Amino acid sequence: MPKLKTHKGTKARVKITGRGKVKAMKSGKRHLNYKKSGRRIRLGRNALIIAEPDAKRIRMLLPYGS
């Protein structure tokens, strides 16, 4: 069976935790921050555990658990 290719865009955006969950950073923090409250910007710092239906699709793009 041939080697499977890792999707590099997905690899840069998500991590697989030790228990197999998919972790990503929240969106909406890069620009236009002057109109967002400090609380909203602070809450965006924490990582997000991706929902299981979406995580299944993401794991297919990362065959070796990158």
Foldseek 3Di string as FASTA:
>chain_A
DDDDDADVVLVVAWAQDPVGWIKGFDDDQDDPCVPPDPVVNVVRGDIDTDDPVVSVVSCVNVVPRD
